[in-house]
Amino acid sequence: MKIKCSADLSDFRPGGNAGIHQELAQYLREKIESGVLRPGDRLPSLREMAELWNTNFFSVKLATDLLVKFGLLNKQHGRGMFVAPQAEGIHRVGLYTSKLYGSRSDRITFSVLRDILQEKFQARGIECIIFDDCRPEEQHREIPDALQQAILSGRIQAVIGVVVRAIDNSWFDRIPIRKSFIMSDMQYNFSALSRQLKERNCRRIAGIISGGPPDRPSFLLAELRAAGIKIMPRNLRIIPDNELTTRSWGEIGYRYTMELLTAQPRPDALIVYPDNAVPGAIQAILRLGIRVPEELFTVFHRNLELSYFCSFDTAYIDSKIENIADRLIETIIGNEEKPQ
């Protein structure tokens, strides 16, 4: 039997790493998000899709039921299954903030970012729905009920993770609508920094860097490596999210800097990210009496453009919050027209 469909769905190949119904759901979701399947498109019947993909009827039903649950497909009795219309445009965006822990300065930074995002979306005629996640840590491995219901009901068509902790990634990565979060969208050009390090003949580069989820290392570390800036494991300190439950950012920056700069041979360059850990790093450098930049070349992250009290010359990684907001918005809405 020849199967007719407005889109080519013949390129599905099982990967073998998950249940077949999950792989089928992911395949169809990618077809919808990429525009191959457009709002209003009718899918083949369950039996036709099972035949097309050489699988069983029940697996296809589970896959499509999952996408119906998340609002990407509509089943119309007697007519068939269609791509849901709300996937066509972005009218409401969820702003998710994990409030599991964090310093006061950390909370202020992300509060400012959220305010800027709301203003910019409002200017485009897009409503923002706030989701503050204050659940206990043990509950953070599942999506919050309020956010899930907003997705299922079509109340929101996209989600921005203003704060997504490592523990939240297990469910945030599986959200079946457009999504983005700050750590995955901040992109820096490190070519100038790489040149500076080479000009100063820095061979032992140390780094104190905020971590990422286990299956996706810190985006900053990946950017540094792409620019040819290598940090040996013995000179690298990754700050895990759970350390913030027992120590402040300043204490972490101080302790890790002391560890790195009292080791032999001592590093000749130090990169510290994020900005919250910088004051502690400065305090440690001053206490050790290390001359900067003569004996140590330092690179500090500066996010809120606050001027840290620093008695030595240092290089900065700058990231204006407004620019971060613009990148997040571009990821979500691209070049779409303002909704009417």
C-alpha atoms as a PDB file:
ATOM      1  CA  MET A   1       0.000   0.000   0.000  1.00  0.00           C
ATOM      2  CA  LYS A   2       1.400   3.390  -0.981  1.00  0.00           C
ATOM      3  CA  ILE A   3       1.421   5.803   1.945  1.00  0.00           C
ATOM      4  CA  LYS A   4       0.574   9.424   1.172  1.00  0.00           C
ATOM      5  CA  CYS A   5       1.719  12.311   3.323  1.00  0.00           C
ATOM      6  CA  SER A   6       2.377  16.005   2.733  1.00  0.00           C
ATOM      7  CA  ALA A   7       5.883  15.552   4.205  1.00  0.00           C
ATOM      8  CA  ASP A   8       8.532  12.916   3.668  1.00  0.00           C
ATOM      9  CA  LEU A   9       8.590  10.754   6.791  1.00  0.00           C
ATOM     10  CA  SER A  10      10.559   7.878   5.349  1.00  0.00           C
ATOM     11  CA  ASP A  11      13.958   8.797   6.843  1.00  0.00           C
ATOM     12  CA  PHE A  12      13.343   7.521  10.357  1.00  0.00           C
ATOM     13  CA  ARG A  13      16.142   5.257  11.597  1.00  0.00           C
ATOM     14  CA  PRO A  14      15.988   3.727  15.095  1.00  0.00           C
ATOM     15  CA  GLY A  15      19.008   4.538  17.218  1.00  0.00           C
ATOM     16  CA  GLY A  16      18.613   1.723  19.693  1.00  0.00           C
ATOM     17  CA  ASN A  17      19.365   3.914  22.724  1.00  0.00           C
ATOM     18  CA  ALA A  18      15.764   4.383  23.888  1.00  0.00           C
ATOM     19  CA  GLY A  19      12.366   2.776  23.548  1.00  0.00           C
ATOM     20  CA  ILE A  20      11.102   2.833  19.973  1.00  0.00           C
ATOM     21  CA  HIS A  21       8.086   4.963  20.899  1.00  0.00           C
ATOM     22  CA  GLN A  22      10.379   7.603  22.444  1.00  0.00           C
ATOM     23  CA  GLU A  23      12.553   7.655  19.335  1.00  0.00           C
ATOM     24  CA  LEU A  24       9.474   8.028  17.134  1.00  0.00           C
ATOM     25  CA  ALA A  25       8.156  10.865  19.316  1.00  0.00           C
ATOM     26  CA  GLN A  26      11.522  12.630  19.099  1.00  0.00           C
ATOM     27  CA  TYR A  27      11.604  12.131  15.326  1.00  0.00           C
ATOM     28  CA  LEU A  28       8.140  13.622  14.821  1.00  0.00           C
ATOM     29  CA  ARG A  29       8.869  16.476  17.230  1.00  0.00           C
ATOM     30  CA  GLU A  30      11.986  17.397  15.233  1.00  0.00           C
ATOM     31  CA  LYS A  31       9.950  17.320  12.013  1.00  0.00           C
ATOM     32  CA  ILE A  32       7.458  19.744  13.577  1.00  0.00           C
ATOM     33  CA  GLU A  33      10.084  22.068  15.053  1.00  0.00           C
ATOM     34  CA  SER A  34      12.065  22.186  11.791  1.00  0.00           C
ATOM     35  CA  GLY A  35       8.941  23.044   9.769  1.00  0.00           C
ATOM     36  CA  VAL A  36       8.901  19.850   7.709  1.00  0.00           C
ATOM     37  CA  LEU A  37       5.541  19.177   9.332  1.00  0.00           C
ATOM     38  CA  ARG A  38       3.639  22.449   9.464  1.00  0.00           C
ATOM     39  CA  PRO A  39       0.607  23.498  11.544  1.00  0.00           C
ATOM     40  CA  GLY A  40      -2.515  21.912  10.067  1.00  0.00           C
ATOM     41  CA  ASP A  41      -0.630  19.125   8.244  1.00  0.00           C
ATOM     42  CA  ARG A  42      -2.384  15.773   8.430  1.00  0.00           C
ATOM     43  CA  LEU A  43      -0.345  12.738   9.416  1.00  0.00           C
ATOM     44  CA  PRO A  44      -0.842   9.247   7.987  1.00  0.00           C
ATOM     45  CA  SER A  45      -2.917   6.845  10.048  1.00  0.00           C
ATOM     46  CA  LEU A  46      -1.278   4.924  12.874  1.00  0.00           C
ATOM     47  CA  ARG A  47      -1.236   1.732  10.815  1.00  0.00           C
ATOM     48  CA  GLU A  48       0.237   3.533   7.812  1.00  0.00           C
ATOM     49  CA  MET A  49       3.015   5.023   9.954  1.00  0.00           C
ATOM     50  CA  ALA A  50       3.704   1.636  11.549  1.00  0.00           C
ATOM     51  CA  GLU A  51       4.047   0.127   8.067  1.00  0.00           C
ATOM     52  CA  LEU A  52       6.209   3.009   6.847  1.00  0.00           C
ATOM     53  CA  TRP A  53       8.636   2.645   9.762  1.00  0.00           C
ATOM     54  CA  ASN A  54       8.471  -1.140   9.925  1.00  0.00           C
ATOM     55  CA  THR A  55       7.350  -1.114  13.528  1.00  0.00           C
ATOM     56  CA  ASN A  56       4.252  -2.032  15.502  1.00  0.00           C
ATOM     57  CA  PHE A  57       1.000  -0.122  15.795  1.00  0.00           C
ATOM     58  CA  PHE A  58       1.240   0.186  19.587  1.00  0.00           C
ATOM     59  CA  SER A  59       4.649   1.963  19.499  1.00  0.00           C
ATOM     60  CA  VAL A  60       3.339   4.524  17.013  1.00  0.00           C
ATOM     61  CA  LYS A  61       0.257   5.093  19.172  1.00  0.00           C
ATOM     62  CA  LEU A  62       2.403   5.682  22.280  1.00  0.00           C
ATOM     63  CA  ALA A  63       4.605   8.135  20.360  1.00  0.00           C
ATOM     64  CA  THR A  64       1.721  10.171  18.960  1.00  0.00           C
ATOM     65  CA  ASP A  65      -0.163  10.086  22.277  1.00  0.00           C
ATOM     66  CA  LEU A  66       2.909  11.645  23.888  1.00  0.00           C
ATOM     67  CA  LEU A  67       2.959  14.491  21.342  1.00  0.00           C
ATOM     68  CA  VAL A  68      -0.769  15.014  21.772  1.00  0.00           C
ATOM     69  CA  LYS A  69      -0.172  15.242  25.517  1.00  0.00           C
ATOM     70  CA  PHE A  70       2.400  17.967  24.966  1.00  0.00           C
ATOM     71  CA  GLY A  71       0.184  19.882  22.556  1.00  0.00           C
ATOM     72  CA  LEU A  72       2.151  19.293  19.351  1.00  0.00           C
ATOM     73  CA  LEU A  73      -0.475  17.092  17.685  1.00  0.00           C
ATOM     74  CA  ASN A  74      -4.278  17.123  17.640  1.00  0.00           C
ATOM     75  CA  LYS A  75      -6.421  14.027  17.161  1.00  0.00           C
ATOM     76  CA  GLN A  76      -9.762  14.777  15.541  1.00  0.00           C
ATOM     77  CA  HIS A  77     -12.327  11.986  15.723  1.00  0.00           C
ATOM     78  CA  GLY A  78     -13.236  10.680  12.292  1.00  0.00           C
ATOM     79  CA  ARG A  79     -10.738  12.957  10.524  1.00  0.00           C
ATOM     80  CA  GLY A  80      -7.272  11.909  11.652  1.00  0.00           C
ATOM     81  CA  MET A  81      -4.248  13.451  13.330  1.00  0.00           C
ATOM     82  CA  PHE A  82      -2.958  16.984  12.641  1.00  0.00           C
ATOM     83  CA  VAL A  83      -0.057  19.186  13.664  1.00  0.00           C
ATOM     84  CA  ALA A  84      -1.411  21.536  16.324  1.00  0.00           C
ATOM     85  CA  PRO A  85      -1.901  25.184  15.299  1.00  0.00           C
ATOM     86  CA  GLN A  86      -0.199  26.678  18.371  1.00  0.00           C
ATOM     87  CA  ALA A  87       3.149  25.543  17.019  1.00  0.00           C
ATOM     88  CA  GLU A  88       2.780  28.176  14.295  1.00  0.00           C
ATOM     89  CA  GLY A  89       3.823  31.229  16.284  1.00  0.00           C
ATOM     90  CA  ILE A  90       5.011  32.438  19.644  1.00  0.00           C
ATOM     91  CA  HIS A  91       2.376  34.377  21.591  1.00  0.00           C
ATOM     92  CA  ARG A  92       3.281  33.512  25.172  1.00  0.00           C
ATOM     93  CA  VAL A  93       6.673  32.564  26.573  1.00  0.00           C
ATOM     94  CA  GLY A  94       7.365  30.938  29.925  1.00  0.00           C
ATOM     95  CA  LEU A  95      10.252  32.342  31.976  1.00  0.00           C
ATOM     96  CA  TYR A  96      11.460  29.567  34.262  1.00  0.00           C
ATOM     97  CA  THR A  97      13.679  30.299  37.283  1.00  0.00           C
ATOM     98  CA  SER A  98      15.068  27.541  39.471  1.00  0.00           C
ATOM     99  CA  LYS A  99      15.240  29.029  42.954  1.00  0.00           C
ATOM    100  CA  LEU A 100      16.880  25.995  44.509  1.00  0.00           C
ATOM    101  CA  TYR A 101      19.774  28.030  45.837  1.00  0.00           C
ATOM    102  CA  GLY A 102      22.089  30.886  44.950  1.00  0.00           C
ATOM    103  CA  SER A 103      23.732  33.923  46.414  1.00  0.00           C
ATOM    104  CA  ARG A 104      22.016  37.282  46.786  1.00  0.00           C
ATOM    105  CA  SER A 105      24.076  38.776  43.949  1.00  0.00           C
ATOM    106  CA  ASP A 106      23.210  35.750  41.812  1.00  0.00           C
ATOM    107  CA  ARG A 107      19.495  36.319  42.416  1.00  0.00           C
ATOM    108  CA  ILE A 108      19.794  40.029  41.633  1.00  0.00           C
ATOM    109  CA  THR A 109      21.554  39.304  38.332  1.00  0.00           C
ATOM    110  CA  PHE A 110      18.881  36.908  37.106  1.00  0.00           C
ATOM    111  CA  SER A 111      16.073  39.147  38.354  1.00  0.00           C
ATOM    112  CA  VAL A 112      17.443  41.942  36.183  1.00  0.00           C
ATOM    113  CA  LEU A 113      17.695  39.569  33.215  1.00  0.00           C
ATOM    114  CA  ARG A 114      14.109  38.453  33.670  1.00  0.00           C
ATOM    115  CA  ASP A 115      12.878  42.054  33.821  1.00  0.00           C
ATOM    116  CA  ILE A 116      14.722  42.868  30.582  1.00  0.00           C
ATOM    117  CA  LEU A 117      13.297  39.783  28.870  1.00  0.00           C
ATOM    118  CA  GLN A 118       9.769  40.758  29.896  1.00  0.00           C
ATOM    119  CA  GLU A 119      10.218  44.286  28.546  1.00  0.00           C
ATOM    120  CA  LYS A 120      11.630  43.104  25.241  1.00  0.00           C
ATOM    121  CA  PHE A 121       8.958  40.446  24.721  1.00  0.00           C
ATOM    122  CA  GLN A 122       6.218  42.927  25.637  1.00  0.00           C
ATOM    123  CA  ALA A 123       7.544  45.308  22.979  1.00  0.00           C
ATOM    124  CA  ARG A 124       6.996  42.524  20.462  1.00  0.00           C
ATOM    125  CA  GLY A 125       3.469  41.854  21.670  1.00  0.00           C
ATOM    126  CA  ILE A 126       4.451  38.590  23.357  1.00  0.00           C
ATOM    127  CA  GLU A 127       3.204  37.822  26.870  1.00  0.00           C
ATOM    128  CA  CYS A 128       5.524  36.330  29.503  1.00  0.00           C
ATOM    129  CA  ILE A 129       4.355  33.803  32.093  1.00  0.00           C
ATOM    130  CA  ILE A 130       6.581  33.532  35.185  1.00  0.00           C
ATOM    131  CA  PHE A 131       7.429  30.138  36.687  1.00  0.00           C
ATOM    132  CA  ASP A 132       9.383  30.351  39.952  1.00  0.00           C
ATOM    133  CA  ASP A 133      10.482  26.891  41.045  1.00  0.00           C
ATOM    134  CA  CYS A 134      10.868  26.862  44.839  1.00  0.00           C
ATOM    135  CA  ARG A 135      10.481  23.100  45.321  1.00  0.00           C
ATOM    136  CA  PRO A 136      12.812  21.075  47.563  1.00  0.00           C
ATOM    137  CA  GLU A 137      15.875  19.678  45.821  1.00  0.00           C
ATOM    138  CA  GLU A 138      14.570  16.099  45.648  1.00  0.00           C
ATOM    139  CA  GLN A 139      11.618  17.267  43.519  1.00  0.00           C
ATOM    140  CA  HIS A 140      13.719  19.040  40.895  1.00  0.00           C
ATOM    141  CA  ARG A 141      14.236  15.936  38.754  1.00  0.00           C
ATOM    142  CA  GLU A 142      10.690  16.289  37.420  1.00  0.00           C
ATOM    143  CA  ILE A 143       9.124  19.169  35.527  1.00  0.00           C
ATOM    144  CA  PRO A 144       7.031  21.481  37.783  1.00  0.00           C
ATOM    145  CA  ASP A 145       3.309  20.775  37.504  1.00  0.00           C
ATOM    146  CA  ALA A 146       2.445  24.388  36.663  1.00  0.00           C
ATOM    147  CA  LEU A 147       4.941  24.494  33.790  1.00  0.00           C
ATOM    148  CA  GLN A 148       3.848  21.111  32.480  1.00  0.00           C
ATOM    149  CA  GLN A 149       0.195  22.115  32.504  1.00  0.00           C
ATOM    150  CA  ALA A 150       1.016  25.354  30.679  1.00  0.00           C
ATOM    151  CA  ILE A 151       2.728  23.327  27.959  1.00  0.00           C
ATOM    152  CA  LEU A 152      -0.002  20.699  27.731  1.00  0.00           C
ATOM    153  CA  SER A 153      -2.754  23.283  27.478  1.00  0.00           C
ATOM    154  CA  GLY A 154      -0.914  25.348  24.863  1.00  0.00           C
ATOM    155  CA  ARG A 155      -0.829  28.318  27.232  1.00  0.00           C
ATOM    156  CA  ILE A 156       2.842  28.871  26.332  1.00  0.00           C
ATOM    157  CA  GLN A 157       4.622  28.094  23.065  1.00  0.00           C
ATOM    158  CA  ALA A 158       8.219  28.468  24.288  1.00  0.00           C
ATOM    159  CA  VAL A 159      10.272  28.437  27.477  1.00  0.00           C
ATOM    160  CA  ILE A 160      13.354  30.375  28.496  1.00  0.00           C
ATOM    161  CA  GLY A 161      15.312  29.040  31.429  1.00  0.00           C
ATOM    162  CA  VAL A 162      16.435  32.189  33.211  1.00  0.00           C
ATOM    163  CA  VAL A 163      18.054  29.885  35.770  1.00  0.00           C
ATOM    164  CA  VAL A 164      18.373  26.177  35.011  1.00  0.00           C
ATOM    165  CA  ARG A 165      20.466  24.248  37.518  1.00  0.00           C
ATOM    166  CA  ALA A 166      22.267  21.024  36.606  1.00  0.00           C
ATOM    167  CA  ILE A 167      19.647  19.002  38.486  1.00  0.00           C
ATOM    168  CA  ASP A 168      16.884  20.529  36.310  1.00  0.00           C
ATOM    169  CA  ASN A 169      18.464  19.478  33.004  1.00  0.00           C
ATOM    170  CA  SER A 170      17.038  15.951  33.155  1.00  0.00           C
ATOM    171  CA  TRP A 171      13.577  17.321  32.320  1.00  0.00           C
ATOM    172  CA  PHE A 172      14.346  20.741  30.794  1.00  0.00           C
ATOM    173  CA  ASP A 173      16.139  19.164  27.833  1.00  0.00           C
ATOM    174  CA  ARG A 174      13.008  17.107  27.061  1.00  0.00           C
ATOM    175  CA  ILE A 175      10.559  20.009  26.931  1.00  0.00           C
ATOM    176  CA  PRO A 176       8.788  19.467  23.573  1.00  0.00           C
ATOM    177  CA  ILE A 177       8.373  23.149  22.646  1.00  0.00           C
ATOM    178  CA  ARG A 178      10.935  25.764  21.769  1.00  0.00           C
ATOM    179  CA  LYS A 179      13.335  26.340  24.614  1.00  0.00           C
ATOM    180  CA  SER A 180      16.545  28.056  25.482  1.00  0.00           C
ATOM    181  CA  PHE A 181      18.500  28.871  28.600  1.00  0.00           C
ATOM    182  CA  ILE A 182      21.196  31.313  29.493  1.00  0.00           C
ATOM    183  CA  MET A 183      24.171  28.986  29.787  1.00  0.00           C
ATOM    184  CA  SER A 184      23.612  27.437  26.370  1.00  0.00           C
ATOM    185  CA  ASP A 185      23.222  30.716  24.535  1.00  0.00           C
ATOM    186  CA  MET A 186      26.003  32.949  25.834  1.00  0.00           C
ATOM    187  CA  GLN A 187      28.627  32.954  23.118  1.00  0.00           C
ATOM    188  CA  TYR A 188      31.965  34.724  23.422  1.00  0.00           C
ATOM    189  CA  ASN A 189      34.786  35.401  20.996  1.00  0.00           C
ATOM    190  CA  PHE A 190      37.931  34.222  22.719  1.00  0.00           C
ATOM    191  CA  SER A 191      40.328  34.799  19.821  1.00  0.00           C
ATOM    192  CA  ALA A 192      41.600  38.064  21.359  1.00  0.00           C
ATOM    193  CA  LEU A 193      42.113  36.380  24.726  1.00  0.00           C
ATOM    194  CA  SER A 194      43.967  33.536  23.048  1.00  0.00           C
ATOM    195  CA  ARG A 195      46.313  36.051  21.395  1.00  0.00           C
ATOM    196  CA  GLN A 196      46.944  37.794  24.714  1.00  0.00           C
ATOM    197  CA  LEU A 197      47.863  34.525  26.400  1.00  0.00           C
ATOM    198  CA  LYS A 198      50.271  33.653  23.580  1.00  0.00           C
ATOM    199  CA  GLU A 199      51.839  37.129  23.603  1.00  0.00           C
ATOM    200  CA  ARG A 200      52.508  36.770  27.338  1.00  0.00           C
ATOM    201  CA  ASN A 201      53.838  33.244  26.786  1.00  0.00           C
ATOM    202  CA  CYS A 202      51.353  31.804  29.302  1.00  0.00           C
ATOM    203  CA  ARG A 203      51.861  28.053  29.391  1.00  0.00           C
ATOM    204  CA  ARG A 204      50.244  27.075  32.690  1.00  0.00           C
ATOM    205  CA  ILE A 205      46.675  28.364  32.463  1.00  0.00           C
ATOM    206  CA  ALA A 206      44.370  27.761  35.421  1.00  0.00           C
ATOM    207  CA  GLY A 207      40.600  28.120  35.494  1.00  0.00           C
ATOM    208  CA  ILE A 208      37.788  28.399  38.013  1.00  0.00           C
ATOM    209  CA  ILE A 209      34.631  27.817  35.995  1.00  0.00           C
ATOM    210  CA  SER A 210      30.971  27.215  36.789  1.00  0.00           C
ATOM    211  CA  GLY A 211      29.996  23.694  35.839  1.00  0.00           C
ATOM    212  CA  GLY A 212      27.322  22.252  33.602  1.00  0.00           C
ATOM    213  CA  PRO A 213      25.346  19.003  33.569  1.00  0.00           C
ATOM    214  CA  PRO A 214      27.417  15.787  33.507  1.00  0.00           C
ATOM    215  CA  ASP A 215      26.560  15.017  29.876  1.00  0.00           C
ATOM    216  CA  ARG A 216      27.254  18.550  28.650  1.00  0.00           C
ATOM    217  CA  PRO A 217      30.386  20.205  30.075  1.00  0.00           C
ATOM    218  CA  SER A 218      30.534  23.900  30.858  1.00  0.00           C
ATOM    219  CA  PHE A 219      29.833  25.913  27.700  1.00  0.00           C
ATOM    220  CA  LEU A 220      32.670  28.276  28.667  1.00  0.00           C
ATOM    221  CA  LEU A 221      35.172  25.438  28.844  1.00  0.00           C
ATOM    222  CA  ALA A 222      34.084  24.296  25.395  1.00  0.00           C
ATOM    223  CA  GLU A 223      34.514  27.839  24.033  1.00  0.00           C
ATOM    224  CA  LEU A 224      37.993  28.116  25.535  1.00  0.00           C
ATOM    225  CA  ARG A 225      39.022  24.826  23.985  1.00  0.00           C
ATOM    226  CA  ALA A 226      37.651  25.883  20.614  1.00  0.00           C
ATOM    227  CA  ALA A 227      39.876  28.979  20.782  1.00  0.00           C
ATOM    228  CA  GLY A 228      42.925  26.842  21.497  1.00  0.00           C
ATOM    229  CA  ILE A 229      43.084  27.756  25.198  1.00  0.00           C
ATOM    230  CA  LYS A 230      43.973  24.562  27.035  1.00  0.00           C
ATOM    231  CA  ILE A 231      43.582  24.108  30.779  1.00  0.00           C
ATOM    232  CA  MET A 232      45.144  20.969  32.223  1.00  0.00           C
ATOM    233  CA  PRO A 233      42.895  19.013  34.622  1.00  0.00           C
ATOM    234  CA  ARG A 234      45.196  19.695  37.592  1.00  0.00           C
ATOM    235  CA  ASN A 235      44.769  23.439  36.983  1.00  0.00           C
ATOM    236  CA  LEU A 236      40.997  23.343  36.542  1.00  0.00           C
ATOM    237  CA  ARG A 237      38.320  23.753  39.200  1.00  0.00           C
ATOM    238  CA  ILE A 238      34.720  23.191  38.094  1.00  0.00           C
ATOM    239  CA  ILE A 239      32.147  24.666  40.486  1.00  0.00           C
ATOM    240  CA  PRO A 240      29.252  22.194  40.876  1.00  0.00           C
ATOM    241  CA  ASP A 241      25.779  23.502  41.620  1.00  0.00           C
ATOM    242  CA  ASN A 242      25.497  21.544  44.857  1.00  0.00           C
ATOM    243  CA  GLU A 243      28.538  23.277  46.338  1.00  0.00           C
ATOM    244  CA  LEU A 244      26.478  26.452  46.558  1.00  0.00           C
ATOM    245  CA  THR A 245      24.302  24.818  49.197  1.00  0.00           C
ATOM    246  CA  THR A 246      27.184  24.908  51.705  1.00  0.00           C
ATOM    247  CA  ARG A 247      29.455  27.733  50.508  1.00  0.00           C
ATOM    248  CA  SER A 248      29.031  31.209  49.065  1.00  0.00           C
ATOM    249  CA  TRP A 249      30.417  32.181  45.661  1.00  0.00           C
ATOM    250  CA  GLY A 250      33.032  34.396  47.311  1.00  0.00           C
ATOM    251  CA  GLU A 251      34.235  31.560  49.546  1.00  0.00           C
ATOM    252  CA  ILE A 252      34.425  29.182  46.587  1.00  0.00           C
ATOM    253  CA  GLY A 253      36.423  31.675  44.524  1.00  0.00           C
ATOM    254  CA  TYR A 254      38.816  32.285  47.413  1.00  0.00           C
ATOM    255  CA  ARG A 255      39.363  28.608  48.259  1.00  0.00           C
ATOM    256  CA  TYR A 256      39.918  27.447  44.680  1.00  0.00           C
ATOM    257  CA  THR A 257      42.256  30.354  43.922  1.00  0.00           C
ATOM    258  CA  MET A 258      44.336  29.564  46.999  1.00  0.00           C
ATOM    259  CA  GLU A 259      44.550  25.910  45.926  1.00  0.00           C
ATOM    260  CA  LEU A 260      45.626  26.744  42.407  1.00  0.00           C
ATOM    261  CA  LEU A 261      48.113  29.514  43.185  1.00  0.00           C
ATOM    262  CA  THR A 262      49.902  27.693  46.011  1.00  0.00           C
ATOM    263  CA  ALA A 263      50.529  24.607  43.850  1.00  0.00           C
ATOM    264  CA  GLN A 264      53.872  24.011  42.174  1.00  0.00           C
ATOM    265  CA  PRO A 265      54.554  24.887  39.485  1.00  0.00           C
ATOM    266  CA  ARG A 266      52.316  27.896  39.958  1.00  0.00           C
ATOM    267  CA  PRO A 267      49.999  28.848  37.075  1.00  0.00           C
ATOM    268  CA  ASP A 268      50.978  31.935  35.080  1.00  0.00           C
ATOM    269  CA  ALA A 269      47.385  32.747  34.054  1.00  0.00           C
ATOM    270  CA  LEU A 270      44.047  32.481  35.853  1.00  0.00           C
ATOM    271  CA  ILE A 271      40.547  32.619  34.353  1.00  0.00           C
ATOM    272  CA  VAL A 272      37.604  33.018  36.771  1.00  0.00           C
ATOM    273  CA  TYR A 273      33.946  32.595  35.771  1.00  0.00           C
ATOM    274  CA  PRO A 274      31.318  33.617  36.874  1.00  0.00           C
ATOM    275  CA  ASP A 275      31.596  37.137  38.249  1.00  0.00           C
ATOM    276  CA  ASN A 276      30.222  36.089  41.641  1.00  0.00           C
ATOM    277  CA  ALA A 277      33.421  34.116  42.326  1.00  0.00           C
ATOM    278  CA  VAL A 278      35.724  36.977  41.315  1.00  0.00           C
ATOM    279  CA  PRO A 279      35.832  38.927  44.636  1.00  0.00           C
ATOM    280  CA  GLY A 280      37.037  35.814  46.451  1.00  0.00           C
ATOM    281  CA  ALA A 281      39.703  35.227  43.795  1.00  0.00           C
ATOM    282  CA  ILE A 282      40.916  38.826  44.136  1.00  0.00           C
ATOM    283  CA  GLN A 283      41.152  38.475  47.904  1.00  0.00           C
ATOM    284  CA  ALA A 284      43.246  35.301  47.578  1.00  0.00           C
ATOM    285  CA  ILE A 285      45.629  36.905  45.076  1.00  0.00           C
ATOM    286  CA  LEU A 286      46.124  39.925  47.319  1.00  0.00           C
ATOM    287  CA  ARG A 287      46.718  37.732  50.366  1.00  0.00           C
ATOM    288  CA  LEU A 288      49.370  35.691  48.544  1.00  0.00           C
ATOM    289  CA  GLY A 289      51.123  38.891  47.449  1.00  0.00           C
ATOM    290  CA  ILE A 290      51.303  37.816  43.817  1.00  0.00           C
ATOM    291  CA  ARG A 291      52.150  40.662  41.436  1.00  0.00           C
ATOM    292  CA  VAL A 292      49.633  41.081  38.653  1.00  0.00           C
ATOM    293  CA  PRO A 293      50.158  41.157  35.733  1.00  0.00           C
ATOM    294  CA  GLU A 294      53.937  40.642  36.110  1.00  0.00           C
ATOM    295  CA  GLU A 295      53.688  37.208  37.768  1.00  0.00           C
ATOM    296  CA  LEU A 296      50.113  36.279  36.931  1.00  0.00           C
ATOM    297  CA  PHE A 297      47.848  37.211  34.032  1.00  0.00           C
ATOM    298  CA  THR A 298      44.214  37.293  35.223  1.00  0.00           C
ATOM    299  CA  VAL A 299      40.948  37.146  33.291  1.00  0.00           C
ATOM    300  CA  PHE A 300      37.727  37.828  35.227  1.00  0.00           C
ATOM    301  CA  HIS A 301      34.102  37.580  34.182  1.00  0.00           C
ATOM    302  CA  ARG A 302      32.207  40.852  34.542  1.00  0.00           C
ATOM    303  CA  ASN A 303      28.473  40.417  34.108  1.00  0.00           C
ATOM    304  CA  LEU A 304      26.544  43.282  35.699  1.00  0.00           C
ATOM    305  CA  GLU A 305      29.325  45.679  34.728  1.00  0.00           C
ATOM    306  CA  LEU A 306      30.043  46.297  38.396  1.00  0.00           C
ATOM    307  CA  SER A 307      33.488  47.674  39.170  1.00  0.00           C
ATOM    308  CA  TYR A 308      35.235  45.330  41.550  1.00  0.00           C
ATOM    309  CA  PHE A 309      37.822  46.899  43.841  1.00  0.00           C
ATOM    310  CA  CYS A 310      40.996  45.636  42.255  1.00  0.00           C
ATOM    311  CA  SER A 311      44.482  47.072  42.806  1.00  0.00           C
ATOM    312  CA  PHE A 312      45.954  45.379  39.741  1.00  0.00           C
ATOM    313  CA  ASP A 313      45.366  45.406  36.004  1.00  0.00           C
ATOM    314  CA  THR A 314      43.222  42.550  34.725  1.00  0.00           C
ATOM    315  CA  ALA A 315      41.475  41.439  31.557  1.00  0.00           C
ATOM    316  CA  TYR A 316      37.715  40.939  31.556  1.00  0.00           C
ATOM    317  CA  ILE A 317      35.215  38.689  29.865  1.00  0.00           C
ATOM    318  CA  ASP A 318      32.287  41.064  29.471  1.00  0.00           C
ATOM    319  CA  SER A 319      28.696  39.992  28.906  1.00  0.00           C
ATOM    320  CA  LYS A 320      26.065  42.697  29.053  1.00  0.00           C
ATOM    321  CA  ILE A 321      22.802  41.358  30.381  1.00  0.00           C
ATOM    322  CA  GLU A 322      20.850  43.159  27.666  1.00  0.00           C
ATOM    323  CA  ASN A 323      22.907  41.376  24.995  1.00  0.00           C
ATOM    324  CA  ILE A 324      22.272  38.043  26.695  1.00  0.00           C
ATOM    325  CA  ALA A 325      18.544  38.796  26.645  1.00  0.00           C
ATOM    326  CA  ASP A 326      18.697  39.617  22.932  1.00  0.00           C
ATOM    327  CA  ARG A 327      20.426  36.310  22.162  1.00  0.00           C
ATOM    328  CA  LEU A 328      17.868  34.341  24.152  1.00  0.00           C
ATOM    329  CA  ILE A 329      14.978  36.069  22.396  1.00  0.00           C
ATOM    330  CA  GLU A 330      16.547  35.511  18.984  1.00  0.00           C
ATOM    331  CA  THR A 331      16.865  31.805  19.759  1.00  0.00           C
ATOM    332  CA  ILE A 332      13.178  31.602  20.638  1.00  0.00           C
ATOM    333  CA  ILE A 333      11.465  33.762  18.010  1.00  0.00           C
ATOM    334  CA  GLY A 334      14.098  34.122  15.305  1.00  0.00           C
ATOM    335  CA  ASN A 335      12.842  36.444  12.607  1.00  0.00           C
ATOM    336  CA  GLU A 336       9.155  35.837  13.209  1.00  0.00           C
ATOM    337  CA  GLU A 337       6.789  38.687  12.702  1.00  0.00           C
ATOM    338  CA  LYS A 338       5.143  40.268  15.730  1.00  0.00           C
ATOM    339  CA  PRO A 339       1.891  38.417  16.451  1.00  0.00           C
ATOM    340  CA  GLN A 340      -1.302  40.329  15.714  1.00  0.00           C
END
